[in-house]
Amino acid sequence: MANNSVEDKKKKKKRNCRDNTNKSGASNYVARTKNKQRRVARDTVKRARKQSWEECGRQIEEDFEQDQKLFYQVLKNMRKI
């Protein structure tokens, strides 16, 4: 008998939580906002990394004639990655 009332309380609590979330939509809004912020941050980091690698490549390419040793050291280290 006691077990049945505990189960009923659990079901009521779950139902109330589910109903409140769907009515207000606040938790959905927060989740969407957080996901959007994560996506923006991820894209910003990707762009920065890409730009950094392109700049590094340009710099190495420009210095290739003067400093071939540096070029081959960088190339060797990139192979390890």
PDB file of N, CA and C in Angstrom:
ATOM      1  N   MET A   1       0.826  -1.190   0.000  1.00  0.00           N
ATOM      2  CA  MET A   1       0.000   0.000   0.000  1.00  0.00           C
ATOM      3  C   MET A   1       0.871   1.255   0.000  1.00  0.00           C
ATOM      4  N   ALA A   2       1.899   1.259   0.826  1.00  0.00           N
ATOM      5  CA  ALA A   2       2.778   2.423   0.897  1.00  0.00           C
ATOM      6  C   ALA A   2       3.528   2.602  -0.412  1.00  0.00           C
ATOM      7  N   ASN A   3       3.900   1.504  -1.026  1.00  0.00           N
ATOM      8  CA  ASN A   3       4.641   1.556  -2.281  1.00  0.00           C
ATOM      9  C   ASN A   3       3.804   2.214  -3.372  1.00  0.00           C
ATOM     10  N   ASN A   4       2.530   1.944  -3.385  1.00  0.00           N
ATOM     11  CA  ASN A   4       1.633   2.493  -4.394  1.00  0.00           C
ATOM     12  C   ASN A   4       1.530   4.004  -4.260  1.00  0.00           C
ATOM     13  N   SER A   5       1.469   4.520  -3.054  1.00  0.00           N
ATOM     14  CA  SER A   5       1.349   5.964  -2.867  1.00  0.00           C
ATOM     15  C   SER A   5       2.647   6.672  -3.270  1.00  0.00           C
ATOM     16  N   VAL A   6       3.785   6.021  -3.038  1.00  0.00           N
ATOM     17  CA  VAL A   6       5.060   6.605  -3.438  1.00  0.00           C
ATOM     18  C   VAL A   6       5.121   6.710  -4.962  1.00  0.00           C
ATOM     19  N   GLU A   7       4.691   5.663  -5.635  1.00  0.00           N
ATOM     20  CA  GLU A   7       4.679   5.675  -7.101  1.00  0.00           C
ATOM     21  C   GLU A   7       3.739   6.755  -7.631  1.00  0.00           C
ATOM     22  N   ASP A   8       2.593   6.909  -6.971  1.00  0.00           N
ATOM     23  CA  ASP A   8       1.652   7.949  -7.390  1.00  0.00           C
ATOM     24  C   ASP A   8       2.265   9.339  -7.234  1.00  0.00           C
ATOM     25  N   LYS A   9       2.973   9.549  -6.122  1.00  0.00           N
ATOM     26  CA  LYS A   9       3.617  10.847  -5.907  1.00  0.00           C
ATOM     27  C   LYS A   9       4.671  11.117  -6.980  1.00  0.00           C
ATOM     28  N   LYS A  10       5.445  10.081  -7.330  1.00  0.00           N
ATOM     29  CA  LYS A  10       6.465  10.239  -8.364  1.00  0.00           C
ATOM     30  C   LYS A  10       5.823  10.617  -9.698  1.00  0.00           C
ATOM     31  N   LYS A  11       4.749   9.926 -10.042  1.00  0.00           N
ATOM     32  CA  LYS A  11       4.064  10.205 -11.307  1.00  0.00           C
ATOM     33  C   LYS A  11       3.510  11.625 -11.335  1.00  0.00           C
ATOM     34  N   LYS A  12       2.898  12.054 -10.219  1.00  0.00           N
ATOM     35  CA  LYS A  12       2.352  13.408 -10.156  1.00  0.00           C
ATOM     36  C   LYS A  12       3.452  14.454 -10.302  1.00  0.00           C
ATOM     37  N   LYS A  13       4.572  14.218  -9.628  1.00  0.00           N
ATOM     38  CA  LYS A  13       5.679  15.170  -9.697  1.00  0.00           C
ATOM     39  C   LYS A  13       6.218  15.263 -11.122  1.00  0.00           C
ATOM     40  N   LYS A  14       6.405  14.108 -11.770  1.00  0.00           N
ATOM     41  CA  LYS A  14       6.886  14.106 -13.154  1.00  0.00           C
ATOM     42  C   LYS A  14       5.908  14.832 -14.068  1.00  0.00           C
ATOM     43  N   ARG A  15       4.622  14.569 -13.887  1.00  0.00           N
ATOM     44  CA  ARG A  15       3.602  15.194 -14.718  1.00  0.00           C
ATOM     45  C   ARG A  15       3.600  16.707 -14.520  1.00  0.00           C
ATOM     46  N   ASN A  16       3.718  17.162 -13.264  1.00  0.00           N
ATOM     47  CA  ASN A  16       3.736  18.598 -12.979  1.00  0.00           C
ATOM     48  C   ASN A  16       4.959  19.265 -13.594  1.00  0.00           C
ATOM     49  N   CYS A  17       6.103  18.625 -13.459  1.00  0.00           N
ATOM     50  CA  CYS A  17       7.324  19.197 -14.042  1.00  0.00           C
ATOM     51  C   CYS A  17       7.195  19.302 -15.555  1.00  0.00           C
ATOM     52  N   ARG A  18       6.692  18.252 -16.169  1.00  0.00           N
ATOM     53  CA  ARG A  18       6.538  18.242 -17.622  1.00  0.00           C
ATOM     54  C   ARG A  18       5.538  19.312 -18.067  1.00  0.00           C
ATOM     55  N   ASP A  19       4.433  19.419 -17.368  1.00  0.00           N
ATOM     56  CA  ASP A  19       3.415  20.401 -17.738  1.00  0.00           C
ATOM     57  C   ASP A  19       3.923  21.826 -17.553  1.00  0.00           C
ATOM     58  N   ASN A  20       4.617  22.087 -16.468  1.00  0.00           N
ATOM     59  CA  ASN A  20       5.129  23.435 -16.221  1.00  0.00           C
ATOM     60  C   ASN A  20       6.164  23.838 -17.260  1.00  0.00           C
ATOM     61  N   THR A  21       6.995  22.912 -17.651  1.00  0.00           N
ATOM     62  CA  THR A  21       8.025  23.214 -18.645  1.00  0.00           C
ATOM     63  C   THR A  21       7.384  23.545 -19.983  1.00  0.00           C
ATOM     64  N   ASN A  22       6.407  22.768 -20.380  1.00  0.00           N
ATOM     65  CA  ASN A  22       5.771  22.996 -21.678  1.00  0.00           C
ATOM     66  C   ASN A  22       4.950  24.277 -21.695  1.00  0.00           C
ATOM     67  N   LYS A  23       4.348  24.634 -20.561  1.00  0.00           N
ATOM     68  CA  LYS A  23       3.539  25.844 -20.530  1.00  0.00           C
ATOM     69  C   LYS A  23       4.400  27.098 -20.633  1.00  0.00           C
ATOM     70  N   SER A  24       5.432  27.140 -19.824  1.00  0.00           N
ATOM     71  CA  SER A  24       6.242  28.360 -19.802  1.00  0.00           C
ATOM     72  C   SER A  24       7.200  28.410 -20.978  1.00  0.00           C
ATOM     73  N   GLY A  25       7.753  27.283 -21.337  1.00  0.00           N
ATOM     74  CA  GLY A  25       8.725  27.254 -22.421  1.00  0.00           C
ATOM     75  C   GLY A  25      10.056  27.866 -22.037  1.00  0.00           C
ATOM     76  N   ALA A  26      10.212  28.200 -20.767  1.00  0.00           N
ATOM     77  CA  ALA A  26      11.432  28.872 -20.330  1.00  0.00           C
ATOM     78  C   ALA A  26      12.642  27.968 -20.490  1.00  0.00           C
ATOM     79  N   SER A  27      12.504  26.711 -20.104  1.00  0.00           N
ATOM     80  CA  SER A  27      13.665  25.823 -20.187  1.00  0.00           C
ATOM     81  C   SER A  27      14.045  25.580 -21.644  1.00  0.00           C
ATOM     82  N   ASN A  28      13.051  25.505 -22.522  1.00  0.00           N
ATOM     83  CA  ASN A  28      13.350  25.338 -23.944  1.00  0.00           C
ATOM     84  C   ASN A  28      14.063  26.567 -24.486  1.00  0.00           C
ATOM     85  N   TYR A  29      13.635  27.737 -24.066  1.00  0.00           N
ATOM     86  CA  TYR A  29      14.265  28.980 -24.518  1.00  0.00           C
ATOM     87  C   TYR A  29      15.710  29.048 -24.051  1.00  0.00           C
ATOM     88  N   VAL A  30      15.942  28.673 -22.804  1.00  0.00           N
ATOM     89  CA  VAL A  30      17.299  28.696 -22.255  1.00  0.00           C
ATOM     90  C   VAL A  30      18.178  27.711 -23.012  1.00  0.00           C
ATOM     91  N   ALA A  31      17.658  26.528 -23.280  1.00  0.00           N
ATOM     92  CA  ALA A  31      18.436  25.521 -24.003  1.00  0.00           C
ATOM     93  C   ALA A  31      18.776  26.008 -25.401  1.00  0.00           C
ATOM     94  N   ARG A  32      17.806  26.601 -26.088  1.00  0.00           N
ATOM     95  CA  ARG A  32      18.071  27.110 -27.445  1.00  0.00           C
ATOM     96  C   ARG A  32      19.101  28.228 -27.410  1.00  0.00           C
ATOM     97  N   THR A  33      18.994  29.096 -26.419  1.00  0.00           N
ATOM     98  CA  THR A  33      19.939  30.210 -26.298  1.00  0.00           C
ATOM     99  C   THR A  33      21.347  29.699 -26.035  1.00  0.00           C
ATOM    100  N   LYS A  34      21.471  28.732 -25.134  1.00  0.00           N
ATOM    101  CA  LYS A  34      22.789  28.172 -24.830  1.00  0.00           C
ATOM    102  C   LYS A  34      23.375  27.483 -26.053  1.00  0.00           C
ATOM    103  N   ASN A  35      22.550  26.731 -26.772  1.00  0.00           N
ATOM    104  CA  ASN A  35      23.041  26.055 -27.973  1.00  0.00           C
ATOM    105  C   ASN A  35      23.505  27.061 -29.012  1.00  0.00           C
ATOM    106  N   LYS A  36      22.761  28.144 -29.160  1.00  0.00           N
ATOM    107  CA  LYS A  36      23.147  29.174 -30.122  1.00  0.00           C
ATOM    108  C   LYS A  36      24.474  29.815 -29.720  1.00  0.00           C
ATOM    109  N   GLN A  37      24.638  30.098 -28.438  1.00  0.00           N
ATOM    110  CA  GLN A  37      25.885  30.693 -27.954  1.00  0.00           C
ATOM    111  C   GLN A  37      27.054  29.742 -28.162  1.00  0.00           C
ATOM    112  N   ARG A  38      26.847  28.455 -27.908  1.00  0.00           N
ATOM    113  CA  ARG A  38      27.908  27.469 -28.140  1.00  0.00           C
ATOM    114  C   ARG A  38      28.284  27.423 -29.613  1.00  0.00           C
ATOM    115  N   ARG A  39      27.283  27.452 -30.476  1.00  0.00           N
ATOM    116  CA  ARG A  39      27.525  27.395 -31.921  1.00  0.00           C
ATOM    117  C   ARG A  39      28.316  28.616 -32.379  1.00  0.00           C
ATOM    118  N   VAL A  40      27.944  29.785 -31.882  1.00  0.00           N
ATOM    119  CA  VAL A  40      28.658  31.012 -32.247  1.00  0.00           C
ATOM    120  C   VAL A  40      30.102  30.946 -31.766  1.00  0.00           C
ATOM    121  N   ALA A  41      30.309  30.495 -30.538  1.00  0.00           N
ATOM    122  CA  ALA A  41      31.673  30.385 -30.001  1.00  0.00           C
ATOM    123  C   ALA A  41      32.488  29.380 -30.800  1.00  0.00           C
ATOM    124  N   ARG A  42      31.891  28.249 -31.134  1.00  0.00           N
ATOM    125  CA  ARG A  42      32.591  27.217 -31.906  1.00  0.00           C
ATOM    126  C   ARG A  42      32.991  27.738 -33.278  1.00  0.00           C
ATOM    127  N   ASP A  43      32.081  28.423 -33.947  1.00  0.00           N
ATOM    128  CA  ASP A  43      32.382  28.967 -35.271  1.00  0.00           C
ATOM    129  C   ASP A  43      33.462  30.037 -35.202  1.00  0.00           C
ATOM    130  N   THR A  44      33.436  30.850 -34.160  1.00  0.00           N
ATOM    131  CA  THR A  44      34.457  31.887 -33.990  1.00  0.00           C
ATOM    132  C   THR A  44      35.835  31.260 -33.812  1.00  0.00           C
ATOM    133  N   VAL A  45      35.904  30.213 -33.004  1.00  0.00           N
ATOM    134  CA  VAL A  45      37.182  29.530 -32.785  1.00  0.00           C
ATOM    135  C   VAL A  45      37.665  28.883 -34.077  1.00  0.00           C
ATOM    136  N   LYS A  46      36.758  28.267 -34.827  1.00  0.00           N
ATOM    137  CA  LYS A  46      37.142  27.642 -36.100  1.00  0.00           C
ATOM    138  C   LYS A  46      37.715  28.672 -37.063  1.00  0.00           C
ATOM    139  N   ARG A  47      37.035  29.818 -37.160  1.00  0.00           N
ATOM    140  CA  ARG A  47      37.527  30.869 -38.066  1.00  0.00           C
ATOM    141  C   ARG A  47      38.895  31.377 -37.632  1.00  0.00           C
ATOM    142  N   ALA A  48      39.075  31.561 -36.333  1.00  0.00           N
ATOM    143  CA  ALA A  48      40.357  32.055 -35.820  1.00  0.00           C
ATOM    144  C   ALA A  48      41.473  31.051 -36.086  1.00  0.00           C
ATOM    145  N   ARG A  49      41.204  29.769 -35.877  1.00  0.00           N
ATOM    146  CA  ARG A  49      42.218  28.742 -36.142  1.00  0.00           C
ATOM    147  C   ARG A  49      42.578  28.696 -37.618  1.00  0.00           C
ATOM    148  N   LYS A  50      41.565  28.739 -38.454  1.00  0.00           N
ATOM    149  CA  LYS A  50      41.817  28.687 -39.893  1.00  0.00           C
ATOM    150  C   LYS A  50      42.650  29.888 -40.332  1.00  0.00           C
ATOM    151  N   GLN A  51      42.288  31.062 -39.857  1.00  0.00           N
ATOM    152  CA  GLN A  51      43.013  32.277 -40.209  1.00  0.00           C
ATOM    153  C   GLN A  51      44.456  32.204 -39.706  1.00  0.00           C
ATOM    154  N   SER A  52      44.643  31.674 -38.511  1.00  0.00           N
ATOM    155  CA  SER A  52      45.982  31.552 -37.945  1.00  0.00           C
ATOM    156  C   SER A  52      46.844  30.608 -38.775  1.00  0.00           C
ATOM    157  N   TRP A  53      46.282  29.465 -39.183  1.00  0.00           N
ATOM    158  CA  TRP A  53      47.035  28.519 -40.005  1.00  0.00           C
ATOM    159  C   TRP A  53      47.362  29.113 -41.365  1.00  0.00           C
ATOM    160  N   GLU A  54      46.419  29.844 -41.951  1.00  0.00           N
ATOM    161  CA  GLU A  54      46.680  30.471 -43.247  1.00  0.00           C
ATOM    162  C   GLU A  54      47.798  31.499 -43.130  1.00  0.00           C
ATOM    163  N   GLU A  55      47.772  32.291 -42.065  1.00  0.00           N
ATOM    164  CA  GLU A  55      48.817  33.296 -41.848  1.00  0.00           C
ATOM    165  C   GLU A  55      50.170  32.622 -41.633  1.00  0.00           C
ATOM    166  N   CYS A  56      50.176  31.552 -40.864  1.00  0.00           N
ATOM    167  CA  CYS A  56      51.415  30.803 -40.630  1.00  0.00           C
ATOM    168  C   CYS A  56      51.943  30.245 -41.948  1.00  0.00           C
ATOM    169  N   GLY A  57      51.077  29.688 -42.766  1.00  0.00           N
ATOM    170  CA  GLY A  57      51.483  29.156 -44.069  1.00  0.00           C
ATOM    171  C   GLY A  57      52.050  30.237 -44.970  1.00  0.00           C
ATOM    172  N   ARG A  58      51.402  31.396 -44.979  1.00  0.00           N
ATOM    173  CA  ARG A  58      51.904  32.509 -45.799  1.00  0.00           C
ATOM    174  C   ARG A  58      53.286  32.956 -45.328  1.00  0.00           C
ATOM    175  N   GLN A  59      53.449  33.035 -44.021  1.00  0.00           N
ATOM    176  CA  GLN A  59      54.726  33.476 -43.457  1.00  0.00           C
ATOM    177  C   GLN A  59      55.837  32.485 -43.801  1.00  0.00           C
ATOM    178  N   ILE A  60      55.563  31.209 -43.671  1.00  0.00           N
ATOM    179  CA  ILE A  60      56.563  30.185 -43.995  1.00  0.00           C
ATOM    180  C   ILE A  60      56.884  30.220 -45.482  1.00  0.00           C
ATOM    181  N   GLU A  61      55.857  30.395 -46.297  1.00  0.00           N
ATOM    182  CA  GLU A  61      56.063  30.444 -47.748  1.00  0.00           C
ATOM    183  C   GLU A  61      56.923  31.648 -48.138  1.00  0.00           C
ATOM    184  N   GLU A  62      56.702  32.790 -47.496  1.00  0.00           N
ATOM    185  CA  GLU A  62      57.498  33.982 -47.799  1.00  0.00           C
ATOM    186  C   GLU A  62      58.953  33.808 -47.357  1.00  0.00           C
ATOM    187  N   ASP A  63      59.153  33.145 -46.223  1.00  0.00           N
ATOM    188  CA  ASP A  63      60.502  32.979 -45.685  1.00  0.00           C
ATOM    189  C   ASP A  63      61.223  31.759 -46.249  1.00  0.00           C
ATOM    190  N   PHE A  64      60.581  31.027 -47.142  1.00  0.00           N
ATOM    191  CA  PHE A  64      61.169  29.795 -47.667  1.00  0.00           C
ATOM    192  C   PHE A  64      62.506  30.046 -48.348  1.00  0.00           C
ATOM    193  N   GLU A  65      62.591  31.101 -49.126  1.00  0.00           N
ATOM    194  CA  GLU A  65      63.826  31.389 -49.863  1.00  0.00           C
ATOM    195  C   GLU A  65      64.979  31.717 -48.919  1.00  0.00           C
ATOM    196  N   GLN A  66      64.702  32.469 -47.846  1.00  0.00           N
ATOM    197  CA  GLN A  66      65.770  32.873 -46.941  1.00  0.00           C
ATOM    198  C   GLN A  66      66.112  31.785 -45.920  1.00  0.00           C
ATOM    199  N   ASP A  67      65.102  31.065 -45.439  1.00  0.00           N
ATOM    200  CA  ASP A  67      65.334  30.137 -44.329  1.00  0.00           C
ATOM    201  C   ASP A  67      64.683  28.785 -44.629  1.00  0.00           C
ATOM    202  N   GLN A  68      65.356  27.988 -45.435  1.00  0.00           N
ATOM    203  CA  GLN A  68      64.805  26.686 -45.801  1.00  0.00           C
ATOM    204  C   GLN A  68      64.836  25.714 -44.623  1.00  0.00           C
ATOM    205  N   LYS A  69      65.802  25.887 -43.735  1.00  0.00           N
ATOM    206  CA  LYS A  69      65.909  25.006 -42.572  1.00  0.00           C
ATOM    207  C   LYS A  69      64.650  25.117 -41.704  1.00  0.00           C
ATOM    208  N   LEU A  70      64.194  26.336 -41.462  1.00  0.00           N
ATOM    209  CA  LEU A  70      62.976  26.546 -40.678  1.00  0.00           C
ATOM    210  C   LEU A  70      61.781  25.901 -41.369  1.00  0.00           C
ATOM    211  N   PHE A  71      61.708  26.059 -42.673  1.00  0.00           N
ATOM    212  CA  PHE A  71      60.604  25.480 -43.444  1.00  0.00           C
ATOM    213  C   PHE A  71      60.546  23.970 -43.244  1.00  0.00           C
ATOM    214  N   TYR A  72      61.684  23.304 -43.375  1.00  0.00           N
ATOM    215  CA  TYR A  72      61.698  21.852 -43.255  1.00  0.00           C
ATOM    216  C   TYR A  72      61.496  21.391 -41.811  1.00  0.00           C
ATOM    217  N   GLN A  73      61.912  22.187 -40.842  1.00  0.00           N
ATOM    218  CA  GLN A  73      61.635  21.854 -39.444  1.00  0.00           C
ATOM    219  C   GLN A  73      60.133  21.898 -39.170  1.00  0.00           C
ATOM    220  N   VAL A  74      59.489  22.933 -39.659  1.00  0.00           N
ATOM    221  CA  VAL A  74      58.038  23.061 -39.470  1.00  0.00           C
ATOM    222  C   VAL A  74      57.328  21.919 -40.177  1.00  0.00           C
ATOM    223  N   LEU A  75      57.768  21.605 -41.375  1.00  0.00           N
ATOM    224  CA  LEU A  75      57.163  20.518 -42.142  1.00  0.00           C
ATOM    225  C   LEU A  75      57.317  19.191 -41.401  1.00  0.00           C
ATOM    226  N   LYS A  76      58.496  18.943 -40.860  1.00  0.00           N
ATOM    227  CA  LYS A  76      58.761  17.714 -40.112  1.00  0.00           C
ATOM    228  C   LYS A  76      57.864  17.631 -38.874  1.00  0.00           C
ATOM    229  N   ASN A  77      57.727  18.736 -38.158  1.00  0.00           N
ATOM    230  CA  ASN A  77      56.882  18.749 -36.959  1.00  0.00           C
ATOM    231  C   ASN A  77      55.409  18.581 -37.303  1.00  0.00           C
ATOM    232  N   MET A  78      54.985  19.095 -38.438  1.00  0.00           N
ATOM    233  CA  MET A  78      53.581  18.954 -38.841  1.00  0.00           C
ATOM    234  C   MET A  78      53.263  17.514 -39.191  1.00  0.00           C
ATOM    235  N   ARG A  79      54.229  16.772 -39.687  1.00  0.00           N
ATOM    236  CA  ARG A  79      54.006  15.359 -40.009  1.00  0.00           C
ATOM    237  C   ARG A  79      53.703  14.556 -38.752  1.00  0.00           C
ATOM    238  N   LYS A  80      54.288  14.954 -37.631  1.00  0.00           N
ATOM    239  CA  LYS A  80      54.080  14.241 -36.368  1.00  0.00           C
ATOM    240  C   LYS A  80      52.661  14.423 -35.855  1.00  0.00           C
ATOM    241  N   ILE A  81      52.054  15.521 -36.220  1.00  0.00           N
ATOM    242  CA  ILE A  81      50.706  15.828 -35.719  1.00  0.00           C
ATOM    243  C   ILE A  81      49.713  14.955 -36.339  1.00  0.00           C
TER     244      ILE A  81
END
